Amino acid sequence: MKKILLIEDDISLNEGICATLSSREIEIFSAFSLEEGRAGFDKNTYDLVILDLNLPDGNGLDFLKEIRKSSEIPVIILTA
C-alpha cells in the first residue's frame, strides 16, 4: 500500500483529496498545518507529499526546501 502525506489547511479540500485517494487503497496521513506535516514527515516514510503553498503557520516552499535536504520524495504543490 502506498503512503501519502497531505498537508492542506482547507478542510473541504483536505477531506476531498483524502476521500478520493482512500478509495484507491492508499494510506493517507492528513495534516492541516506545517507543524503537523513536519511531525508526520519525521515519524513515517511516504511515497508522495501533497503540499499546500500557503499554510497558517508558514510557507509550503520553505518546507519543501527542508524536505529536499534529506529526501528526493516526489512532491505535488497545491495552491488555490
N, C-alpha and C. Protein backbone atom coordinates (compact mmCIF):
# COMPACT_ATOMS: atom_id res chain seq x y z
N MET A 1 0.84 -1.17 0.00
CA MET A 1 0.00 0.00 0.00
C MET A 1 0.89 1.25 0.00
N LYS A 2 0.58 2.19 -0.86
CA LYS A 2 1.31 3.45 -0.94
C LYS A 2 0.89 4.38 0.19
N LYS A 3 1.83 5.22 0.64
CA LYS A 3 1.56 6.17 1.72
C LYS A 3 1.80 7.59 1.23
N ILE A 4 0.83 8.46 1.51
CA ILE A 4 0.90 9.86 1.10
C ILE A 4 0.76 10.76 2.32
N LEU A 5 1.59 11.79 2.36
CA LEU A 5 1.46 12.85 3.35
C LEU A 5 0.77 14.03 2.68
N LEU A 6 -0.40 14.39 3.16
CA LEU A 6 -1.16 15.51 2.64
C LEU A 6 -1.12 16.65 3.65
N ILE A 7 -0.61 17.80 3.23
CA ILE A 7 -0.56 18.98 4.10
C ILE A 7 -1.38 20.08 3.41
N GLU A 8 -2.60 20.27 3.89
CA GLU A 8 -3.55 21.22 3.30
C GLU A 8 -4.45 21.75 4.41
N ASP A 9 -4.50 23.07 4.59
CA ASP A 9 -5.27 23.65 5.68
C ASP A 9 -6.75 23.84 5.36
N ASP A 10 -7.12 23.84 4.09
CA ASP A 10 -8.53 23.97 3.72
C ASP A 10 -9.23 22.64 4.01
N ILE A 11 -10.16 22.67 4.96
CA ILE A 11 -10.80 21.44 5.42
C ILE A 11 -11.51 20.70 4.29
N SER A 12 -12.28 21.42 3.48
CA SER A 12 -13.02 20.78 2.39
C SER A 12 -12.09 20.13 1.38
N LEU A 13 -11.05 20.84 0.99
CA LEU A 13 -10.10 20.30 0.02
C LEU A 13 -9.35 19.11 0.61
N ASN A 14 -8.92 19.22 1.85
CA ASN A 14 -8.21 18.14 2.52
C ASN A 14 -9.08 16.89 2.57
N GLU A 15 -10.32 17.05 3.02
CA GLU A 15 -11.23 15.91 3.11
C GLU A 15 -11.54 15.32 1.74
N GLY A 16 -11.71 16.17 0.73
CA GLY A 16 -12.00 15.69 -0.62
C GLY A 16 -10.86 14.88 -1.20
N ILE A 17 -9.63 15.36 -1.02
CA ILE A 17 -8.46 14.62 -1.51
C ILE A 17 -8.35 13.29 -0.77
N CYS A 18 -8.54 13.32 0.53
CA CYS A 18 -8.47 12.08 1.32
C CYS A 18 -9.51 11.07 0.85
N ALA A 19 -10.74 11.53 0.65
CA ALA A 19 -11.81 10.63 0.22
C ALA A 19 -11.51 10.03 -1.14
N THR A 20 -11.02 10.84 -2.05
CA THR A 20 -10.72 10.36 -3.40
C THR A 20 -9.59 9.34 -3.39
N LEU A 21 -8.52 9.64 -2.69
CA LEU A 21 -7.36 8.75 -2.70
C LEU A 21 -7.55 7.52 -1.82
N SER A 22 -8.31 7.63 -0.75
CA SER A 22 -8.54 6.48 0.13
C SER A 22 -9.26 5.36 -0.59
N SER A 23 -10.09 5.71 -1.54
CA SER A 23 -10.82 4.69 -2.28
C SER A 23 -9.91 3.92 -3.23
N ARG A 24 -8.68 4.32 -3.33
CA ARG A 24 -7.72 3.66 -4.21
C ARG A 24 -6.66 2.90 -3.42
N GLU A 25 -7.01 2.48 -2.23
CA GLU A 25 -6.12 1.70 -1.38
C GLU A 25 -4.79 2.41 -1.13
N ILE A 26 -4.90 3.68 -0.80
CA ILE A 26 -3.74 4.50 -0.47
C ILE A 26 -3.90 4.96 0.97
N GLU A 27 -2.85 4.79 1.76
CA GLU A 27 -2.88 5.26 3.15
C GLU A 27 -2.46 6.73 3.18
N ILE A 28 -3.28 7.56 3.80
CA ILE A 28 -3.03 9.00 3.81
C ILE A 28 -2.88 9.50 5.24
N PHE A 29 -1.80 10.24 5.48
CA PHE A 29 -1.64 10.98 6.73
C PHE A 29 -2.02 12.41 6.40
N SER A 30 -3.08 12.90 7.01
CA SER A 30 -3.60 14.22 6.72
C SER A 30 -3.16 15.22 7.79
N ALA A 31 -2.59 16.34 7.34
CA ALA A 31 -2.15 17.41 8.24
C ALA A 31 -2.78 18.72 7.78
N PHE A 32 -3.08 19.59 8.74
CA PHE A 32 -3.70 20.87 8.43
C PHE A 32 -2.76 22.05 8.67
N SER A 33 -1.51 21.78 9.04
CA SER A 33 -0.52 22.83 9.29
C SER A 33 0.87 22.27 9.01
N LEU A 34 1.84 23.17 8.89
CA LEU A 34 3.22 22.72 8.71
C LEU A 34 3.72 21.96 9.93
N GLU A 35 3.31 22.41 11.10
CA GLU A 35 3.73 21.72 12.33
C GLU A 35 3.28 20.26 12.30
N GLU A 36 2.01 20.02 11.97
CA GLU A 36 1.51 18.65 11.87
C GLU A 36 2.22 17.89 10.76
N GLY A 37 2.44 18.56 9.63
CA GLY A 37 3.10 17.92 8.50
C GLY A 37 4.53 17.52 8.81
N ARG A 38 5.26 18.40 9.46
CA ARG A 38 6.64 18.08 9.87
C ARG A 38 6.67 16.87 10.80
N ALA A 39 5.76 16.86 11.76
CA ALA A 39 5.70 15.74 12.71
C ALA A 39 5.43 14.44 11.97
N GLY A 40 4.51 14.47 11.03
CA GLY A 40 4.21 13.27 10.25
C GLY A 40 5.37 12.85 9.37
N PHE A 41 6.03 13.82 8.76
CA PHE A 41 7.15 13.52 7.87
C PHE A 41 8.31 12.90 8.65
N ASP A 42 8.53 13.39 9.85
CA ASP A 42 9.64 12.89 10.67
C ASP A 42 9.38 11.49 11.23
N LYS A 43 8.12 11.12 11.40
CA LYS A 43 7.77 9.85 12.03
C LYS A 43 7.59 8.69 11.04
N ASN A 44 7.35 8.99 9.77
CA ASN A 44 7.00 7.95 8.81
C ASN A 44 7.76 8.12 7.50
N THR A 45 7.66 7.10 6.68
CA THR A 45 8.21 7.14 5.33
C THR A 45 7.03 7.19 4.35
N TYR A 46 7.09 8.10 3.40
CA TYR A 46 5.99 8.28 2.45
C TYR A 46 6.48 8.08 1.03
N ASP A 47 5.53 7.79 0.15
CA ASP A 47 5.81 7.66 -1.27
C ASP A 47 5.59 8.97 -2.01
N LEU A 48 4.82 9.88 -1.40
CA LEU A 48 4.47 11.15 -2.03
C LEU A 48 4.04 12.15 -0.96
N VAL A 49 4.37 13.42 -1.19
CA VAL A 49 3.86 14.51 -0.35
C VAL A 49 3.01 15.42 -1.24
N ILE A 50 1.81 15.73 -0.77
CA ILE A 50 0.96 16.74 -1.41
C ILE A 50 0.97 17.93 -0.47
N LEU A 51 1.46 19.06 -0.94
CA LEU A 51 1.79 20.19 -0.07
C LEU A 51 1.15 21.49 -0.56
N ASP A 52 0.38 22.12 0.31
CA ASP A 52 -0.19 23.44 0.03
C ASP A 52 0.91 24.50 0.17
N LEU A 53 0.85 25.53 -0.65
CA LEU A 53 1.84 26.60 -0.56
C LEU A 53 1.61 27.51 0.64
N ASN A 54 0.38 27.92 0.84
CA ASN A 54 0.06 28.90 1.88
C ASN A 54 -0.65 28.22 3.04
N LEU A 55 0.07 28.08 4.13
CA LEU A 55 -0.47 27.42 5.32
C LEU A 55 -0.50 28.42 6.47
N PRO A 56 -1.34 28.19 7.48
CA PRO A 56 -1.48 29.18 8.55
C PRO A 56 -0.20 29.43 9.35
N ASP A 57 0.70 28.46 9.36
CA ASP A 57 1.92 28.62 10.16
C ASP A 57 3.20 28.64 9.32
N GLY A 58 3.07 28.93 8.03
CA GLY A 58 4.27 29.05 7.22
C GLY A 58 4.03 28.81 5.74
N ASN A 59 5.12 28.79 5.00
CA ASN A 59 5.10 28.66 3.56
C ASN A 59 5.50 27.24 3.16
N GLY A 60 4.71 26.63 2.29
CA GLY A 60 4.99 25.28 1.83
C GLY A 60 6.33 25.16 1.12
N LEU A 61 6.76 26.20 0.42
CA LEU A 61 8.06 26.14 -0.27
C LEU A 61 9.22 26.04 0.71
N ASP A 62 9.08 26.68 1.86
CA ASP A 62 10.12 26.56 2.89
C ASP A 62 10.21 25.12 3.39
N PHE A 63 9.05 24.47 3.56
CA PHE A 63 9.06 23.08 3.99
C PHE A 63 9.62 22.18 2.89
N LEU A 64 9.32 22.50 1.63
CA LEU A 64 9.88 21.72 0.52
C LEU A 64 11.41 21.79 0.55
N LYS A 65 11.97 22.94 0.85
CA LYS A 65 13.43 23.06 0.97
C LYS A 65 13.97 22.17 2.08
N GLU A 66 13.24 22.10 3.19
CA GLU A 66 13.64 21.20 4.29
C GLU A 66 13.60 19.75 3.83
N ILE A 67 12.54 19.38 3.13
CA ILE A 67 12.40 18.01 2.64
C ILE A 67 13.58 17.66 1.74
N ARG A 68 13.93 18.56 0.84
CA ARG A 68 14.99 18.30 -0.15
C ARG A 68 16.38 18.15 0.49
N LYS A 69 16.55 18.60 1.69
CA LYS A 69 17.84 18.42 2.36
C LYS A 69 18.11 16.95 2.68
N SER A 70 17.03 16.16 2.81
CA SER A 70 17.21 14.77 3.22
C SER A 70 16.49 13.76 2.34
N SER A 71 15.71 14.21 1.35
CA SER A 71 14.89 13.27 0.61
C SER A 71 14.62 13.76 -0.82
N GLU A 72 14.45 12.80 -1.71
CA GLU A 72 14.06 13.10 -3.09
C GLU A 72 12.63 12.64 -3.35
N ILE A 73 11.84 12.51 -2.29
CA ILE A 73 10.45 12.08 -2.40
C ILE A 73 9.70 12.99 -3.37
N PRO A 74 8.83 12.44 -4.22
CA PRO A 74 8.02 13.30 -5.10
C PRO A 74 7.10 14.20 -4.27
N VAL A 75 6.95 15.45 -4.72
CA VAL A 75 6.09 16.41 -4.04
C VAL A 75 5.20 17.08 -5.08
N ILE A 76 3.90 17.11 -4.79
CA ILE A 76 2.94 17.86 -5.59
C ILE A 76 2.57 19.10 -4.79
N ILE A 77 2.70 20.28 -5.42
CA ILE A 77 2.38 21.55 -4.76
C ILE A 77 0.96 21.96 -5.14
N LEU A 78 0.18 22.33 -4.12
CA LEU A 78 -1.19 22.82 -4.32
C LEU A 78 -1.24 24.30 -3.99
N THR A 79 -2.10 25.02 -4.71
CA THR A 79 -2.42 26.39 -4.35
C THR A 79 -3.80 26.69 -4.89
N ALA A 80 -4.56 27.46 -4.16
CA ALA A 80 -5.94 27.74 -4.58
C ALA A 80 -6.08 29.16 -5.06
